[in-house]
Protein backbone atom coordinates (compact mmCIF):
# COMPACT_ATOMS: atom_id res chain seq x y z
CA MET A 1 65.29 6.55 -83.36
CA SER A 2 62.35 8.37 -81.73
CA ALA A 3 62.61 10.09 -78.33
CA PRO A 4 61.22 8.16 -75.24
CA THR A 5 57.70 9.03 -74.05
CA LEU A 6 57.49 10.34 -70.49
CA ARG A 7 54.84 8.80 -68.11
CA SER A 8 52.15 11.27 -67.14
CA GLU A 9 52.58 12.64 -63.60
CA SER A 10 49.16 14.29 -63.41
CA GLY A 11 46.83 13.43 -60.36
CA PHE A 12 43.11 12.63 -60.10
CA SER A 13 40.84 14.73 -62.10
CA LEU A 14 38.14 16.88 -60.51
CA ILE A 15 35.44 14.45 -61.66
CA GLU A 16 37.28 11.53 -60.13
CA MET A 17 37.60 13.40 -56.82
CA LEU A 18 33.91 14.22 -56.80
CA ILE A 19 32.96 10.62 -57.48
CA ALA A 20 35.27 9.34 -54.72
CA THR A 21 33.90 11.89 -52.27
CA PHE A 22 30.32 10.96 -53.14
CA VAL A 23 31.04 7.23 -52.63
CA THR A 24 32.70 7.97 -49.29
CA LEU A 25 29.73 10.04 -48.12
CA VAL A 26 27.31 7.29 -49.12
CA VAL A 27 29.30 4.71 -47.15
CA LEU A 28 29.56 7.01 -44.12
CA ALA A 29 25.81 7.75 -44.26
CA GLY A 30 24.98 4.06 -44.27
CA THR A 31 27.40 3.39 -41.45
CA SER A 32 25.93 6.29 -39.45
CA GLN A 33 22.40 4.95 -39.88
CA VAL A 34 23.49 1.50 -38.78
CA LEU A 35 25.25 2.97 -35.77
CA GLN A 36 22.22 5.14 -34.91
CA LYS A 37 19.87 2.16 -35.10
CA ALA A 38 22.25 0.12 -32.95
CA LEU A 39 22.30 2.87 -30.33
CA GLU A 40 18.51 3.17 -30.46
CA GLY A 41 18.18 -0.59 -30.08
CA GLU A 42 20.51 -0.57 -27.08
CA ASN A 43 18.62 2.33 -25.54
CA ALA A 44 15.28 0.59 -26.15
CA ALA A 45 16.52 -2.68 -24.68
CA THR A 46 17.85 -0.85 -21.61
CA GLN A 47 14.52 0.94 -21.13
CA VAL A 48 12.53 -2.28 -21.44
CA LEU A 49 14.86 -4.13 -19.04
CA ASP A 50 14.63 -1.27 -16.54
CA MET A 51 10.85 -1.18 -16.88
CA ASN A 52 10.49 -4.92 -16.34
CA GLY A 53 12.89 -4.83 -13.39
CA HIS A 54 11.00 -2.00 -11.71
CA LEU A 55 7.68 -3.68 -12.46
CA ARG A 56 8.78 -6.93 -10.85
CA ALA A 57 10.25 -5.14 -7.84
CA ALA A 58 6.99 -3.25 -7.30
CA MET A 59 4.87 -6.37 -7.65
CA ASP A 60 7.16 -8.30 -5.28
CA LEU A 61 6.70 -5.57 -2.66
CA ILE A 62 2.91 -5.65 -3.09
CA GLN A 63 2.85 -9.43 -2.75
CA ARG A 64 5.05 -9.34 0.36
CA ASP A 65 2.72 -6.85 2.03
CA LEU A 66 -0.39 -8.81 1.03
CA LEU A 67 1.02 -12.06 2.41
CA GLN A 68 1.18 -10.47 5.86
CA THR A 69 -2.34 -9.04 5.73
CA GLY A 70 -4.36 -9.81 8.86
CA GLN A 71 -1.60 -11.56 10.76
CA GLY A 72 -1.57 -10.87 14.50
CA LEU A 73 -4.96 -9.12 14.48
CA PRO A 74 -7.79 -10.03 16.91
CA VAL A 75 -10.51 -12.54 16.09
CA GLY A 76 -12.39 -11.27 13.07
CA ARG A 77 -9.20 -9.60 11.79
CA ARG A 78 -10.45 -6.13 12.65
CA VAL A 79 -9.00 -3.41 14.91
CA GLY A 80 -11.04 -0.97 17.00
CA ILE A 81 -11.02 2.73 16.14
CA PRO A 82 -12.80 5.77 17.65
CA ASN A 83 -16.52 5.61 16.93
CA GLY A 84 -19.89 6.60 18.30
CA PRO A 85 -21.31 10.02 19.19
CA GLY A 86 -18.70 12.77 18.84
CA ALA A 87 -16.13 10.56 17.08
CA GLU A 88 -14.31 12.04 14.10
CA ALA A 89 -13.58 10.07 10.93
CA ILE A 90 -10.17 8.37 10.70
CA VAL A 91 -7.94 9.54 7.85
CA ARG A 92 -7.28 6.98 5.16
CA PRO A 93 -4.15 7.65 3.06
CA GLY A 94 -4.82 7.94 -0.63
CA PRO A 95 -5.52 10.21 -3.60
CA ALA A 96 -8.08 12.99 -3.67
CA ALA A 97 -11.18 12.84 -5.84
CA SER A 98 -10.50 13.57 -9.51
CA GLY A 99 -13.20 13.82 -12.14
CA ALA A 100 -15.34 10.69 -12.06
CA CYS A 101 -12.87 8.92 -9.75
CA GLY A 102 -14.04 8.92 -6.13
CA GLY A 103 -10.78 9.57 -4.28
CA VAL A 104 -9.98 8.73 -0.66
CA ASP A 105 -10.23 10.87 2.44
CA PHE A 106 -11.47 8.89 5.46
CA PHE A 107 -12.26 5.36 6.51
CA PRO A 108 -15.98 4.59 6.78
CA ASN A 109 -17.55 5.51 10.12
CA ALA A 110 -17.44 2.10 11.80
CA PRO A 111 -16.26 0.62 15.10
CA THR A 112 -13.32 -1.18 13.43
CA ILE A 113 -10.91 -1.16 10.51
CA PRO A 114 -10.80 -4.44 8.53
CA ALA A 115 -7.63 -6.23 7.47
CA VAL A 116 -8.43 -5.24 3.86
CA SER A 117 -10.13 -1.96 2.89
CA VAL A 118 -11.12 -1.99 -0.76
CA GLY A 119 -11.12 1.02 -3.10
CA PRO A 120 -12.42 0.21 -6.60
CA ASP A 121 -12.18 3.16 -9.00
CA LEU A 122 -11.15 5.55 -6.23
CA GLY A 123 -7.75 6.40 -7.73
CA PRO A 124 -7.06 8.95 -10.50
CA GLU A 125 -7.80 8.21 -14.13
CA ILE A 126 -5.23 6.78 -16.54
CA ASN A 127 -6.10 6.13 -20.20
CA GLY A 128 -9.78 6.78 -19.50
CA GLN A 129 -10.05 4.34 -16.55
CA CYS A 130 -10.00 5.07 -12.82
CA THR A 131 -7.32 3.23 -10.87
CA ASP A 132 -7.83 1.41 -7.58
CA VAL A 133 -6.81 1.90 -3.96
CA ILE A 134 -6.16 -0.80 -1.37
CA THR A 135 -5.34 -0.48 2.35
CA ILE A 136 -4.14 -3.48 4.34
CA VAL A 137 -3.51 -3.97 8.05
CA SER A 138 -1.22 -6.46 9.80
CA ALA A 139 0.79 -6.83 13.01
CA ASP A 140 4.52 -6.33 13.17
CA ASN A 141 6.05 -9.55 14.50
CA MET A 142 9.01 -7.62 15.93
CA PHE A 143 6.71 -5.96 18.47
CA GLY A 144 3.71 -8.15 19.24
CA LYS A 145 1.66 -8.78 22.38
CA VAL A 146 4.10 -6.81 24.56
CA PRO A 147 2.78 -6.41 28.14
CA VAL A 148 1.53 -2.95 29.18
CA VAL A 149 2.06 -2.17 32.84
CA ALA A 150 -0.20 0.88 33.19
CA ILE A 151 -2.43 3.32 31.34
CA SER A 152 -2.84 6.95 32.46
CA ASN A 153 -6.20 8.14 33.73
CA ASP A 154 -6.75 10.38 30.71
CA GLY A 155 -5.75 7.63 28.26
CA THR A 156 -2.96 9.61 26.65
CA ARG A 157 -0.05 7.54 28.01
CA ALA A 158 0.91 3.93 28.54
CA ARG A 159 3.91 2.32 30.19
CA ILE A 160 5.45 -0.68 28.50
CA HIS A 161 6.80 -3.53 30.65
CA PRO A 162 10.59 -3.12 31.17
CA ASN A 163 11.25 -6.61 29.81
CA THR A 164 10.95 -4.97 26.39
CA ASP A 165 13.32 -2.00 26.09
CA ILE A 166 11.57 0.31 23.61
CA SER A 167 14.21 3.04 23.52
CA ASP A 168 17.61 1.32 23.68
CA ASP A 169 20.43 2.55 21.44
CA PRO A 170 21.33 0.72 19.30
CA ASP A 171 18.00 -1.03 18.71
CA ASP A 172 19.33 -4.58 19.05
CA GLU A 173 15.97 -6.35 19.00
CA SER A 174 14.21 -4.10 16.44
CA ASP A 175 11.59 -3.42 19.10
CA ASN A 176 12.03 0.31 19.64
CA LEU A 177 8.95 2.49 19.35
CA ARG A 178 9.16 5.77 17.46
CA ARG A 179 7.00 8.78 16.77
CA GLY A 180 4.46 7.90 14.10
CA ASP A 181 4.23 4.18 14.94
CA LEU A 182 0.78 2.68 15.20
CA LEU A 183 0.00 0.59 18.28
CA MET A 184 -2.90 -1.75 18.88
CA LEU A 185 -3.63 -2.09 22.58
CA GLU A 186 -5.72 -5.07 23.64
CA LYS A 187 -7.35 -6.30 26.78
CA GLY A 188 -9.66 -9.29 26.65
CA ASN A 189 -11.68 -9.03 23.46
CA MET A 190 -11.28 -5.26 23.18
CA SER A 191 -8.75 -3.55 20.93
CA VAL A 192 -7.98 0.09 20.15
CA LEU A 193 -5.64 1.63 17.58
CA VAL A 194 -3.54 4.67 18.49
CA GLN A 195 -0.62 6.59 17.00
CA VAL A 196 2.59 7.18 18.96
CA THR A 197 3.47 10.86 19.32
CA GLU A 198 6.34 10.62 21.82
CA VAL A 199 8.51 7.99 23.51
CA ASN A 200 10.24 8.71 26.82
CA GLY A 201 11.96 5.71 28.32
CA GLN A 202 9.25 3.08 28.78
CA GLU A 203 6.45 5.62 28.55
CA VAL A 204 4.58 6.08 25.26
CA ARG A 205 2.33 9.08 24.57
CA PHE A 206 -0.70 9.26 22.29
CA GLU A 207 -1.47 12.96 22.10
CA ALA A 208 -4.02 14.39 19.70
CA GLY A 209 -2.77 16.92 17.19
CA GLY A 210 -0.20 17.31 14.46
CA ASP A 211 1.77 14.09 15.03
CA ASP A 212 -1.45 12.06 15.03
CA VAL A 213 -1.77 12.22 11.24
CA LEU A 214 -4.53 9.61 11.04
CA GLY A 215 -6.69 11.18 13.76
CA LEU A 216 -6.68 8.05 15.93
CA ASN A 217 -5.92 9.72 19.28
CA GLN A 218 -9.41 10.92 20.20
CA PHE A 219 -10.45 11.40 23.81
CA ASP A 220 -13.56 12.33 25.74
CA ALA A 221 -12.98 13.64 29.23
CA ASP A 222 -16.46 12.60 30.40
CA LEU A 223 -16.66 8.90 31.12
CA ASN A 224 -20.36 8.57 30.52
CA ASP A 225 -22.74 7.07 27.97
CA ASP A 226 -21.60 9.59 25.36
CA THR A 227 -17.94 8.65 25.64
CA VAL A 228 -16.28 8.02 22.28
CA THR A 229 -15.65 4.27 22.13
CA GLY A 230 -12.70 2.55 20.54
CA THR A 231 -10.18 4.87 22.26
CA MET A 232 -7.54 4.53 24.95
CA ILE A 233 -9.75 6.21 27.51
CA ASP A 234 -12.50 3.73 26.63
CA LEU A 235 -10.03 0.88 27.16
CA LYS A 236 -9.05 2.43 30.49
CA PHE A 237 -12.68 2.75 31.55
CA GLU A 238 -13.57 -0.81 30.55
CA ALA A 239 -10.34 -2.37 31.82
CA PRO A 240 -8.61 -0.61 34.74
CA GLN A 241 -4.84 -0.28 34.58
CA ASP A 242 -2.62 -3.23 35.35
CA ASN A 243 -0.47 -2.73 38.43
CA THR A 244 1.03 -6.13 37.84
CA VAL A 245 0.95 -8.34 34.77
CA PRO A 246 -1.25 -10.31 35.16
CA ALA A 247 -3.12 -9.47 38.36
CA GLN A 248 -6.05 -10.41 40.56
CA ASP A 249 -8.90 -8.16 41.56
CA ALA A 250 -10.32 -7.78 45.11
CA GLN A 251 -12.46 -10.90 44.61
CA GLY A 252 -9.48 -12.96 43.55
CA ARG A 253 -10.46 -13.06 39.90
CA TRP A 254 -7.66 -12.93 37.38
CA ILE A 255 -7.54 -9.73 35.33
CA SER A 256 -6.34 -10.25 31.81
CA ARG A 257 -3.28 -8.21 31.02
CA SER A 258 -3.12 -5.35 28.56
CA THR A 259 -0.80 -5.83 25.60
CA ALA A 260 0.58 -3.63 22.83
CA THR A 261 1.27 -4.66 19.23
CA ARG A 262 2.86 -2.52 16.56
CA ILE A 263 0.61 -2.28 13.50
CA ARG A 264 1.46 -1.89 9.82
CA LEU A 265 -1.22 0.06 7.94
CA ILE A 266 -0.23 0.22 4.27
CA SER A 267 -2.02 1.92 1.41
CA TYR A 268 -1.27 1.52 -2.32
CA TYR A 269 -2.59 4.03 -4.83
CA VAL A 270 -1.65 5.88 -8.00
CA ASP A 271 -0.48 9.50 -8.02
CA THR A 272 -0.76 11.49 -11.27
CA SER A 273 0.49 14.84 -9.98
CA ALA A 274 4.03 14.25 -11.28
CA ALA A 275 5.21 14.14 -14.92
CA VAL A 276 4.36 10.43 -15.15
CA PRO A 277 1.92 8.41 -13.01
CA ARG A 278 3.50 6.75 -9.97
CA LEU A 279 2.37 3.90 -7.73
CA MET A 280 2.63 5.16 -4.16
CA ARG A 281 3.03 3.18 -0.91
CA SER A 282 2.07 4.90 2.34
CA VAL A 283 2.88 3.28 5.68
CA GLY A 284 1.01 4.43 8.78
CA GLY A 285 0.00 7.72 7.21
CA ALA A 286 3.60 8.84 6.71
CA ASP A 287 4.72 10.56 3.51
CA PRO A 288 4.26 8.05 0.69
CA ASN A 289 7.09 6.60 -1.39
CA ALA A 290 6.94 5.91 -5.12
CA VAL A 291 7.48 2.19 -5.79
CA ALA A 292 6.77 2.27 -9.54
CA ILE A 293 7.07 5.07 -12.12
CA GLY A 294 5.27 5.12 -15.45
CA VAL A 295 2.17 3.28 -14.25
CA GLU A 296 -0.40 2.56 -16.94
CA ALA A 297 -2.91 0.55 -14.88
CA PHE A 298 -3.46 -0.53 -11.27
CA ARG A 299 -6.49 -2.79 -10.83
CA VAL A 300 -7.39 -4.92 -7.81
CA SER A 301 -10.09 -7.58 -7.49
CA TYR A 302 -10.91 -10.16 -4.83
CA ASP A 303 -11.88 -13.80 -4.44
CA ILE A 304 -14.70 -14.16 -1.92
CA ALA A 305 -15.64 -17.01 0.42
CA ASN A 306 -19.40 -16.70 0.97
CA GLN A 307 -20.07 -20.41 1.63
CA ASP A 308 -22.20 -20.54 -1.53
CA THR A 309 -20.97 -19.44 -4.93
CA ASN A 310 -17.53 -18.26 -3.74
CA PRO A 311 -17.21 -15.72 -6.59
CA THR A 312 -13.81 -14.76 -7.98
CA ASN A 313 -12.41 -11.51 -9.40
CA VAL A 314 -15.00 -9.45 -7.53
CA ARG A 315 -14.32 -5.74 -7.94
CA MET A 316 -16.24 -4.86 -4.74
CA VAL A 317 -18.03 -1.98 -6.49
CA ALA A 318 -21.47 -0.80 -5.35
CA ASN A 319 -23.32 -3.44 -7.37
CA ASP A 320 -21.29 -6.20 -5.73
CA LEU A 321 -22.17 -4.85 -2.31
CA ASN A 322 -25.89 -4.37 -2.97
CA GLY A 323 -26.49 -7.76 -4.54
CA ASN A 324 -26.72 -6.73 -8.21
CA GLY A 325 -23.17 -7.65 -9.18
CA ALA A 326 -20.87 -10.59 -8.66
CA CYS A 327 -22.41 -11.48 -5.27
CA PRO A 328 -26.18 -11.96 -5.74
CA ASP A 329 -28.60 -11.70 -2.86
CA ASP A 330 -29.67 -14.87 -1.10
CA PRO A 331 -32.89 -15.92 -2.92
CA SER A 332 -34.21 -17.54 0.24
CA THR A 333 -34.68 -14.17 1.95
CA THR A 334 -36.19 -10.84 1.05
CA ASP A 335 -33.97 -8.96 3.46
CA VAL A 336 -31.77 -6.29 1.92
CA VAL A 337 -28.23 -7.25 2.90
CA GLU A 338 -24.76 -6.47 1.64
CA SER A 339 -23.94 -9.51 -0.44
CA CYS A 340 -20.20 -8.94 -0.50
CA SER A 341 -18.12 -8.01 2.54
CA GLU A 342 -14.50 -7.20 3.14
CA ASN A 343 -14.63 -9.89 5.85
CA GLN A 344 -15.12 -12.50 3.12
CA ILE A 345 -11.97 -11.66 1.15
CA ARG A 346 -9.61 -14.62 0.87
CA LYS A 347 -7.50 -13.77 -2.18
CA VAL A 348 -6.35 -10.52 -3.78
CA ASN A 349 -5.77 -10.27 -7.54
CA VAL A 350 -3.52 -7.45 -8.72
CA VAL A 351 -2.93 -6.12 -12.24
CA LEU A 352 -0.03 -3.66 -12.60
CA SER A 353 1.06 -2.18 -15.94
CA MET A 354 4.00 0.12 -16.64
CA ARG A 355 5.36 1.96 -19.67
CA ALA A 356 9.05 2.46 -20.42
CA ALA A 357 10.53 5.85 -19.65
CA GLN A 358 11.62 8.35 -22.34
CA ILE A 359 9.53 6.57 -24.94
CA ASP A 360 9.72 9.50 -27.40
CA GLU A 361 13.49 9.08 -27.73
CA SER A 362 13.31 5.57 -29.17
CA ARG A 363 11.89 4.82 -32.61
CA LEU A 364 12.00 1.13 -31.80
CA LEU A 365 9.77 1.59 -28.79
CA GLN A 366 7.45 3.90 -30.73
CA SER A 367 6.95 1.37 -33.50
CA GLY A 368 7.05 -1.80 -31.43
CA ASN A 369 4.85 -3.39 -28.79
CA ASN A 370 7.46 -3.69 -26.04
CA SER A 371 7.03 -0.23 -24.53
CA GLN A 372 4.42 -1.51 -22.04
CA SER A 373 4.49 -4.51 -19.76
CA THR A 374 1.89 -5.99 -17.41
CA LEU A 375 2.19 -8.32 -14.44
CA TYR A 376 -0.67 -10.29 -12.85
CA ALA A 377 -0.52 -11.68 -9.32
CA GLN A 378 -2.91 -13.59 -7.09
CA VAL A 379 -2.12 -13.65 -3.38
CA SER A 380 -3.86 -15.90 -0.84
CA LEU A 381 -4.32 -14.12 2.46
CA ARG A 382 -3.19 -16.85 4.82
CA SER A 383 -4.26 -15.07 7.99
CA LEU A 384 -7.80 -14.67 6.64
CA ALA A 385 -8.24 -18.19 5.33
CA PHE A 386 -10.26 -19.47 8.30
CA VAL A 387 -11.99 -16.30 9.44
CA ASP A 388 -15.72 -16.74 9.83
CA ARG A 389 -17.61 -14.57 7.38
CA TYR A 390 -19.96 -13.29 10.09
CA GLN A 391 -17.20 -11.95 12.33
């Protein structure tokens, strides 16, 4: 009888270990790639969602501001500003000139500011195309047509009627006035725009200087034919102060009262000084805030009511204004006239494009078409719908 054979107790061979290790590494590599792509996809989806959310929030803010354009302004939807001999240009918030793009520095030298100030191709260039600038003006319903009791002789101060407490704490009615606020003072058919530099009780000051960032508080000490018009001192000269509201003069005629309305002057423009282009919103000349980051395009056009062709998507460039563009000259006359006017604007069309942040970190975004998104909006300016084009 032969001896029993013992079972081998040897382990895996070196070749078997190498094969097993290779298979494991292949599986781990595949799993790692899947995991990496999943993380990239999640990152890409997050970036796109963030981009679309910010884009919609920015467009909603633009639409909200546009809907209020012109409300509470005088007939013609324009506000008086300093003008005439000796008047200095009023600062318009916006970007400086850059290359072929015009930039913004001042409002045109005119007696008034319109509800909409256009700015085609004035903003900095993005992807070979200049961006746009738009400035809109409206009244603040929380402080509108408030009676003014008196105006100082030099036009630098006004006293608000005590029925409206402009410095209570807390501000229960949201009617407090603060340094930097813009006020439109009216009497009869005259309006002037000033910037608040100090509030003391019911007295409001409009001093020239550093706090008057727009340059609205201009004064001429000589009340003569050379007086700068469109100022507080001009209003004082044309309409003596109200001792009562309203009042009667020596002949028994009723004197219309002076009123004050807080004004919202808002500018939108693109800033390219940071790492990525930003859409900026400036209120009353204060430091602007970024409302959209990663801007790829900001274009604005207008629908015009000219009682004839009523052109749409007018850019309001030089050709549109001189009759060679979207608004042709009237063939019945040989007079050279501006065929398009800011007074004729009835709708504003906005194109806003944004690109997702950190695009270089996502292969999905680099290879796909979802890294950029665009919103289009058309806003009817309700307060300008029935404004006569000649006003």
